Amino acid sequence: EQGRIAEEGTHRELLAADGLYASYWRL
């Protein structure tokens, strides 16, 4: 995000973190 690492992990870990990746996945 904007040239920086915002999140890192496996698919399951990122969904569980409910952050930016999870919002992409839901939408």
PDB file of all heavy atoms in Angstrom:
ATOM      1  N   GLU A   1       0.861  -1.179   0.000  1.00  0.00           N
ATOM      2  CA  GLU A   1       0.000   0.000   0.000  1.00  0.00           C
ATOM      3  C   GLU A   1       0.898   1.230   0.000  1.00  0.00           C
ATOM      4  O   GLU A   1       1.723   1.415   0.905  1.00  0.00           O
ATOM      5  CB  GLU A   1      -0.921   0.019   1.221  1.00  0.00           C
ATOM      6  CG  GLU A   1      -1.928   1.175   1.171  1.00  0.00           C
ATOM      7  CD  GLU A   1      -2.882   1.140   2.355  1.00  0.00           C
ATOM      8  OE1 GLU A   1      -2.473   0.665   3.436  1.00  0.00           O
ATOM      9  OE2 GLU A   1      -4.027   1.588   2.201  1.00  0.00           O
ATOM     10  N   GLN A   2       0.756   2.035  -1.066  1.00  0.00           N
ATOM     11  CA  GLN A   2       1.551   3.251  -1.228  1.00  0.00           C
ATOM     12  C   GLN A   2       3.052   2.981  -1.074  1.00  0.00           C
ATOM     13  O   GLN A   2       3.779   3.732  -0.411  1.00  0.00           O
ATOM     14  CB  GLN A   2       1.087   4.323  -0.234  1.00  0.00           C
ATOM     15  CG  GLN A   2      -0.334   4.766  -0.486  1.00  0.00           C
ATOM     16  CD  GLN A   2      -0.792   5.864   0.464  1.00  0.00           C
ATOM     17  OE1 GLN A   2      -0.092   6.206   1.428  1.00  0.00           O
ATOM     18  NE2 GLN A   2      -1.954   6.436   0.201  1.00  0.00           N
ATOM     19  N   GLY A   3       3.499   1.907  -1.688  1.00  0.00           N
ATOM     20  CA  GLY A   3       4.914   1.612  -1.728  1.00  0.00           C
ATOM     21  C   GLY A   3       5.483   0.962  -0.492  1.00  0.00           C
ATOM     22  O   GLY A   3       6.701   0.735  -0.406  1.00  0.00           O
ATOM     23  N   ARG A   4       4.672   0.613   0.465  1.00  0.00           N
ATOM     24  CA  ARG A   4       5.145  -0.025   1.697  1.00  0.00           C
ATOM     25  C   ARG A   4       4.410  -1.344   1.920  1.00  0.00           C
ATOM     26  O   ARG A   4       3.316  -1.546   1.389  1.00  0.00           O
ATOM     27  CB  ARG A   4       4.928   0.897   2.907  1.00  0.00           C
ATOM     28  CG  ARG A   4       5.739   2.189   2.834  1.00  0.00           C
ATOM     29  CD  ARG A   4       5.433   3.086   4.049  1.00  0.00           C
ATOM     30  NE  ARG A   4       6.194   4.315   4.025  1.00  0.00           N
ATOM     31  CZ  ARG A   4       7.430   4.442   4.523  1.00  0.00           C
ATOM     32  NH1 ARG A   4       8.007   3.390   5.106  1.00  0.00           N
ATOM     33  NH2 ARG A   4       8.080   5.588   4.462  1.00  0.00           N
ATOM     34  N   ILE A   5       5.008  -2.215   2.716  1.00  0.00           N
ATOM     35  CA  ILE A   5       4.356  -3.474   3.058  1.00  0.00           C
ATOM     36  C   ILE A   5       3.343  -3.202   4.164  1.00  0.00           C
ATOM     37  O   ILE A   5       3.702  -2.788   5.277  1.00  0.00           O
ATOM     38  CB  ILE A   5       5.381  -4.526   3.512  1.00  0.00           C
ATOM     39  CG1 ILE A   5       6.349  -4.835   2.370  1.00  0.00           C
ATOM     40  CG2 ILE A   5       4.674  -5.796   3.972  1.00  0.00           C
ATOM     41  CD1 ILE A   5       7.447  -5.793   2.756  1.00  0.00           C
ATOM     42  N   ALA A   6       2.072  -3.420   3.834  1.00  0.00           N
ATOM     43  CA  ALA A   6       1.009  -3.170   4.812  1.00  0.00           C
ATOM     44  C   ALA A   6       0.680  -4.438   5.601  1.00  0.00           C
ATOM     45  O   ALA A   6       0.391  -4.373   6.804  1.00  0.00           O
ATOM     46  CB  ALA A   6      -0.244  -2.653   4.105  1.00  0.00           C
ATOM     47  N   GLU A   7       0.719  -5.599   4.942  1.00  0.00           N
ATOM     48  CA  GLU A   7       0.389  -6.869   5.594  1.00  0.00           C
ATOM     49  C   GLU A   7       1.238  -7.978   4.995  1.00  0.00           C
ATOM     50  O   GLU A   7       1.693  -7.873   3.860  1.00  0.00           O
ATOM     51  CB  GLU A   7      -1.100  -7.205   5.403  1.00  0.00           C
ATOM     52  CG  GLU A   7      -2.058  -6.221   6.044  1.00  0.00           C
ATOM     53  CD  GLU A   7      -3.513  -6.546   5.741  1.00  0.00           C
ATOM     54  OE1 GLU A   7      -3.773  -7.550   5.042  1.00  0.00           O
ATOM     55  OE2 GLU A   7      -4.376  -5.789   6.195  1.00  0.00           O
ATOM     56  N   GLU A   8       1.397  -9.062   5.755  1.00  0.00           N
ATOM     57  CA  GLU A   8       2.169 -10.199   5.275  1.00  0.00           C
ATOM     58  C   GLU A   8       1.701 -11.460   5.987  1.00  0.00           C
ATOM     59  O   GLU A   8       1.435 -11.442   7.187  1.00  0.00           O
ATOM     60  CB  GLU A   8       3.662  -9.978   5.539  1.00  0.00           C
ATOM     61  CG  GLU A   8       4.561 -11.078   5.015  1.00  0.00           C
ATOM     62  CD  GLU A   8       6.032 -10.748   5.190  1.00  0.00           C
ATOM     63  OE1 GLU A   8       6.355  -9.604   5.615  1.00  0.00           O
ATOM     64  OE2 GLU A   8       6.862 -11.629   4.898  1.00  0.00           O
ATOM     65  N   GLY A   9       1.570 -12.550   5.237  1.00  0.00           N
ATOM     66  CA  GLY A   9       1.155 -13.814   5.837  1.00  0.00           C
ATOM     67  C   GLY A   9       0.585 -14.740   4.797  1.00  0.00           C
ATOM     68  O   GLY A   9       0.575 -14.442   3.596  1.00  0.00           O
ATOM     69  N   THR A  10       0.055 -15.898   5.240  1.00  0.00           N
ATOM     70  CA  THR A  10      -0.611 -16.807   4.318  1.00  0.00           C
ATOM     71  C   THR A  10      -2.021 -16.295   4.057  1.00  0.00           C
ATOM     72  O   THR A  10      -2.506 -15.372   4.717  1.00  0.00           O
ATOM     73  CB  THR A  10      -0.689 -18.218   4.897  1.00  0.00           C
ATOM     74  OG1 THR A  10      -1.537 -18.183   6.053  1.00  0.00           O
ATOM     75  CG2 THR A  10       0.692 -18.736   5.277  1.00  0.00           C
ATOM     76  N   HIS A  11      -2.657 -16.912   3.075  1.00  0.00           N
ATOM     77  CA  HIS A  11      -4.031 -16.530   2.741  1.00  0.00           C
ATOM     78  C   HIS A  11      -4.926 -16.632   3.988  1.00  0.00           C
ATOM     79  O   HIS A  11      -5.670 -15.690   4.302  1.00  0.00           O
ATOM     80  CB  HIS A  11      -4.543 -17.440   1.632  1.00  0.00           C
ATOM     81  CG  HIS A  11      -6.000 -17.281   1.318  1.00  0.00           C
ATOM     82  ND1 HIS A  11      -6.526 -16.146   0.758  1.00  0.00           N
ATOM     83  CD2 HIS A  11      -7.047 -18.143   1.503  1.00  0.00           C
ATOM     84  CE1 HIS A  11      -7.829 -16.304   0.601  1.00  0.00           C
ATOM     85  NE2 HIS A  11      -8.168 -17.515   1.041  1.00  0.00           N
ATOM     86  N   ARG A  12      -4.828 -17.732   4.689  1.00  0.00           N
ATOM     87  CA  ARG A  12      -5.679 -17.925   5.872  1.00  0.00           C
ATOM     88  C   ARG A  12      -5.337 -16.913   6.958  1.00  0.00           C
ATOM     89  O   ARG A  12      -6.228 -16.357   7.614  1.00  0.00           O
ATOM     90  CB  ARG A  12      -5.515 -19.349   6.400  1.00  0.00           C
ATOM     91  CG  ARG A  12      -6.111 -20.423   5.497  1.00  0.00           C
ATOM     92  CD  ARG A  12      -5.974 -21.813   6.117  1.00  0.00           C
ATOM     93  NE  ARG A  12      -6.582 -22.831   5.274  1.00  0.00           N
ATOM     94  CZ  ARG A  12      -7.879 -23.127   5.284  1.00  0.00           C
ATOM     95  NH1 ARG A  12      -8.699 -22.484   6.115  1.00  0.00           N
ATOM     96  NH2 ARG A  12      -8.351 -24.069   4.484  1.00  0.00           N
ATOM     97  N   GLU A  13      -4.051 -16.680   7.185  1.00  0.00           N
ATOM     98  CA  GLU A  13      -3.638 -15.735   8.229  1.00  0.00           C
ATOM     99  C   GLU A  13      -4.133 -14.327   7.922  1.00  0.00           C
ATOM    100  O   GLU A  13      -4.599 -13.607   8.818  1.00  0.00           O
ATOM    101  CB  GLU A  13      -2.119 -15.728   8.352  1.00  0.00           C
ATOM    102  CG  GLU A  13      -1.548 -17.004   8.969  1.00  0.00           C
ATOM    103  CD  GLU A  13      -0.044 -17.087   8.854  1.00  0.00           C
ATOM    104  OE1 GLU A  13       0.545 -16.278   8.089  1.00  0.00           O
ATOM    105  OE2 GLU A  13       0.548 -17.966   9.512  1.00  0.00           O
ATOM    106  N   LEU A  14      -4.064 -13.933   6.670  1.00  0.00           N
ATOM    107  CA  LEU A  14      -4.492 -12.581   6.306  1.00  0.00           C
ATOM    108  C   LEU A  14      -6.004 -12.429   6.393  1.00  0.00           C
ATOM    109  O   LEU A  14      -6.510 -11.368   6.768  1.00  0.00           O
ATOM    110  CB  LEU A  14      -4.000 -12.246   4.894  1.00  0.00           C
ATOM    111  CG  LEU A  14      -2.483 -12.086   4.761  1.00  0.00           C
ATOM    112  CD1 LEU A  14      -2.095 -11.879   3.293  1.00  0.00           C
ATOM    113  CD2 LEU A  14      -1.975 -10.921   5.603  1.00  0.00           C
ATOM    114  N   LEU A  15      -6.730 -13.492   6.053  1.00  0.00           N
ATOM    115  CA  LEU A  15      -8.191 -13.421   6.231  1.00  0.00           C
ATOM    116  C   LEU A  15      -8.539 -13.318   7.703  1.00  0.00           C
ATOM    117  O   LEU A  15      -9.434 -12.544   8.095  1.00  0.00           O
ATOM    118  CB  LEU A  15      -8.850 -14.661   5.611  1.00  0.00           C
ATOM    119  CG  LEU A  15      -8.880 -14.754   4.081  1.00  0.00           C
ATOM    120  CD1 LEU A  15      -9.607 -16.018   3.646  1.00  0.00           C
ATOM    121  CD2 LEU A  15      -9.555 -13.521   3.482  1.00  0.00           C
ATOM    122  N   ALA A  16      -7.812 -14.076   8.527  1.00  0.00           N
ATOM    123  CA  ALA A  16      -8.086 -14.047   9.968  1.00  0.00           C
ATOM    124  C   ALA A  16      -7.750 -12.689  10.568  1.00  0.00           C
ATOM    125  O   ALA A  16      -8.395 -12.241  11.532  1.00  0.00           O
ATOM    126  CB  ALA A  16      -7.292 -15.140  10.666  1.00  0.00           C
ATOM    127  N   ALA A  17      -6.738 -12.000   9.994  1.00  0.00           N
ATOM    128  CA  ALA A  17      -6.344 -10.684  10.519  1.00  0.00           C
ATOM    129  C   ALA A  17      -7.391  -9.624  10.215  1.00  0.00           C
ATOM    130  O   ALA A  17      -7.407  -8.557  10.844  1.00  0.00           O
ATOM    131  CB  ALA A  17      -5.002 -10.285   9.933  1.00  0.00           C
ATOM    132  N   ASP A  18      -8.260  -9.914   9.252  1.00  0.00           N
ATOM    133  CA  ASP A  18      -9.365  -9.008   8.899  1.00  0.00           C
ATOM    134  C   ASP A  18      -8.878  -7.588   8.578  1.00  0.00           C
ATOM    135  O   ASP A  18      -9.450  -6.604   9.028  1.00  0.00           O
ATOM    136  CB  ASP A  18     -10.394  -8.964  10.030  1.00  0.00           C
ATOM    137  CG  ASP A  18     -11.741  -8.426   9.532  1.00  0.00           C
ATOM    138  OD1 ASP A  18     -12.022  -8.553   8.316  1.00  0.00           O
ATOM    139  OD2 ASP A  18     -12.486  -7.854  10.353  1.00  0.00           O
ATOM    140  N   GLY A  19      -7.814  -7.529   7.811  1.00  0.00           N
ATOM    141  CA  GLY A  19      -7.268  -6.223   7.428  1.00  0.00           C
ATOM    142  C   GLY A  19      -7.569  -5.905   5.983  1.00  0.00           C
ATOM    143  O   GLY A  19      -8.635  -6.228   5.443  1.00  0.00           O
ATOM    144  N   LEU A  20      -6.579  -5.295   5.335  1.00  0.00           N
ATOM    145  CA  LEU A  20      -6.755  -4.834   3.960  1.00  0.00           C
ATOM    146  C   LEU A  20      -6.985  -6.006   2.999  1.00  0.00           C
ATOM    147  O   LEU A  20      -7.876  -5.958   2.149  1.00  0.00           O
ATOM    148  CB  LEU A  20      -5.499  -4.044   3.534  1.00  0.00           C
ATOM    149  CG  LEU A  20      -5.615  -3.215   2.257  1.00  0.00           C
ATOM    150  CD1 LEU A  20      -6.723  -2.172   2.370  1.00  0.00           C
ATOM    151  CD2 LEU A  20      -4.271  -2.520   1.977  1.00  0.00           C
ATOM    152  N   TYR A  21      -6.201  -7.083   3.153  1.00  0.00           N
ATOM    153  CA  TYR A  21      -6.356  -8.235   2.270  1.00  0.00           C
ATOM    154  C   TYR A  21      -7.754  -8.845   2.435  1.00  0.00           C
ATOM    155  O   TYR A  21      -8.403  -9.214   1.457  1.00  0.00           O
ATOM    156  CB  TYR A  21      -5.287  -9.282   2.578  1.00  0.00           C
ATOM    157  CG  TYR A  21      -5.381 -10.514   1.723  1.00  0.00           C
ATOM    158  CD1 TYR A  21      -4.814 -10.560   0.459  1.00  0.00           C
ATOM    159  CD2 TYR A  21      -6.046 -11.664   2.180  1.00  0.00           C
ATOM    160  CE1 TYR A  21      -4.890 -11.693  -0.333  1.00  0.00           C
ATOM    161  CE2 TYR A  21      -6.130 -12.802   1.383  1.00  0.00           C
ATOM    162  CZ  TYR A  21      -5.547 -12.811   0.132  1.00  0.00           C
ATOM    163  OH  TYR A  21      -5.636 -13.947  -0.651  1.00  0.00           O
ATOM    164  N   ALA A  22      -8.202  -8.948   3.665  1.00  0.00           N
ATOM    165  CA  ALA A  22      -9.529  -9.524   3.910  1.00  0.00           C
ATOM    166  C   ALA A  22     -10.616  -8.675   3.263  1.00  0.00           C
ATOM    167  O   ALA A  22     -11.610  -9.204   2.740  1.00  0.00           O
ATOM    168  CB  ALA A  22      -9.771  -9.652   5.412  1.00  0.00           C
ATOM    169  N   SER A  23     -10.433  -7.352   3.288  1.00  0.00           N
ATOM    170  CA  SER A  23     -11.435  -6.492   2.654  1.00  0.00           C
ATOM    171  C   SER A  23     -11.429  -6.681   1.151  1.00  0.00           C
ATOM    172  O   SER A  23     -12.480  -6.676   0.511  1.00  0.00           O
ATOM    173  CB  SER A  23     -11.168  -5.021   3.008  1.00  0.00           C
ATOM    174  OG  SER A  23      -9.966  -4.568   2.409  1.00  0.00           O
ATOM    175  N   TYR A  24     -10.220  -6.874   0.555  1.00  0.00           N
ATOM    176  CA  TYR A  24     -10.157  -7.167  -0.869  1.00  0.00           C
ATOM    177  C   TYR A  24     -10.889  -8.477  -1.186  1.00  0.00           C
ATOM    178  O   TYR A  24     -11.628  -8.589  -2.158  1.00  0.00           O
ATOM    179  CB  TYR A  24      -8.694  -7.308  -1.326  1.00  0.00           C
ATOM    180  CG  TYR A  24      -7.876  -6.033  -1.301  1.00  0.00           C
ATOM    181  CD1 TYR A  24      -6.483  -6.096  -1.248  1.00  0.00           C
ATOM    182  CD2 TYR A  24      -8.465  -4.771  -1.348  1.00  0.00           C
ATOM    183  CE1 TYR A  24      -5.710  -4.955  -1.238  1.00  0.00           C
ATOM    184  CE2 TYR A  24      -7.713  -3.630  -1.325  1.00  0.00           C
ATOM    185  CZ  TYR A  24      -6.326  -3.717  -1.278  1.00  0.00           C
ATOM    186  OH  TYR A  24      -5.570  -2.590  -1.272  1.00  0.00           O
ATOM    187  N   TRP A  25     -10.650  -9.462  -0.338  1.00  0.00           N
ATOM    188  CA  TRP A  25     -11.242 -10.788  -0.562  1.00  0.00           C
ATOM    189  C   TRP A  25     -12.757 -10.728  -0.507  1.00  0.00           C
ATOM    190  O   TRP A  25     -13.446 -11.338  -1.323  1.00  0.00           O
ATOM    191  CB  TRP A  25     -10.688 -11.763   0.472  1.00  0.00           C
ATOM    192  CG  TRP A  25     -11.168 -13.183   0.274  1.00  0.00           C
ATOM    193  CD1 TRP A  25     -12.174 -13.795   0.961  1.00  0.00           C
ATOM    194  CD2 TRP A  25     -10.686 -14.121  -0.666  1.00  0.00           C
ATOM    195  NE1 TRP A  25     -12.342 -15.081   0.513  1.00  0.00           N
ATOM    196  CE2 TRP A  25     -11.425 -15.311  -0.505  1.00  0.00           C
ATOM    197  CE3 TRP A  25      -9.689 -14.086  -1.635  1.00  0.00           C
ATOM    198  CZ2 TRP A  25     -11.200 -16.437  -1.275  1.00  0.00           C
ATOM    199  CZ3 TRP A  25      -9.468 -15.221  -2.400  1.00  0.00           C
ATOM    200  CH2 TRP A  25     -10.227 -16.386  -2.215  1.00  0.00           C
ATOM    201  N   ARG A  26     -13.277 -10.009   0.491  1.00  0.00           N
ATOM    202  CA  ARG A  26     -14.735  -9.925   0.637  1.00  0.00           C
ATOM    203  C   ARG A  26     -15.375  -9.173  -0.522  1.00  0.00           C
ATOM    204  O   ARG A  26     -16.501  -9.477  -0.923  1.00  0.00           O
ATOM    205  CB  ARG A  26     -15.072  -9.218   1.946  1.00  0.00           C
ATOM    206  CG  ARG A  26     -14.853 -10.062   3.193  1.00  0.00           C
ATOM    207  CD  ARG A  26     -15.521  -9.419   4.407  1.00  0.00           C
ATOM    208  NE  ARG A  26     -14.977  -8.100   4.691  1.00  0.00           N
ATOM    209  CZ  ARG A  26     -13.945  -7.873   5.512  1.00  0.00           C
ATOM    210  NH1 ARG A  26     -13.344  -8.902   6.111  1.00  0.00           N
ATOM    211  NH2 ARG A  26     -13.513  -6.659   5.725  1.00  0.00           N
ATOM    212  N   LEU A  27     -14.672  -8.171  -1.039  1.00  0.00           N
ATOM    213  CA  LEU A  27     -15.277  -7.290  -2.031  1.00  0.00           C
ATOM    214  C   LEU A  27     -14.958  -7.680  -3.476  1.00  0.00           C
ATOM    215  O   LEU A  27     -15.380  -6.993  -4.393  1.00  0.00           O
ATOM    216  CB  LEU A  27     -14.817  -5.843  -1.794  1.00  0.00           C
ATOM    217  CG  LEU A  27     -15.330  -5.224  -0.485  1.00  0.00           C
ATOM    218  CD1 LEU A  27     -14.612  -3.930  -0.201  1.00  0.00           C
ATOM    219  CD2 LEU A  27     -16.835  -4.989  -0.576  1.00  0.00           C
TER     220      LEU A  27
END
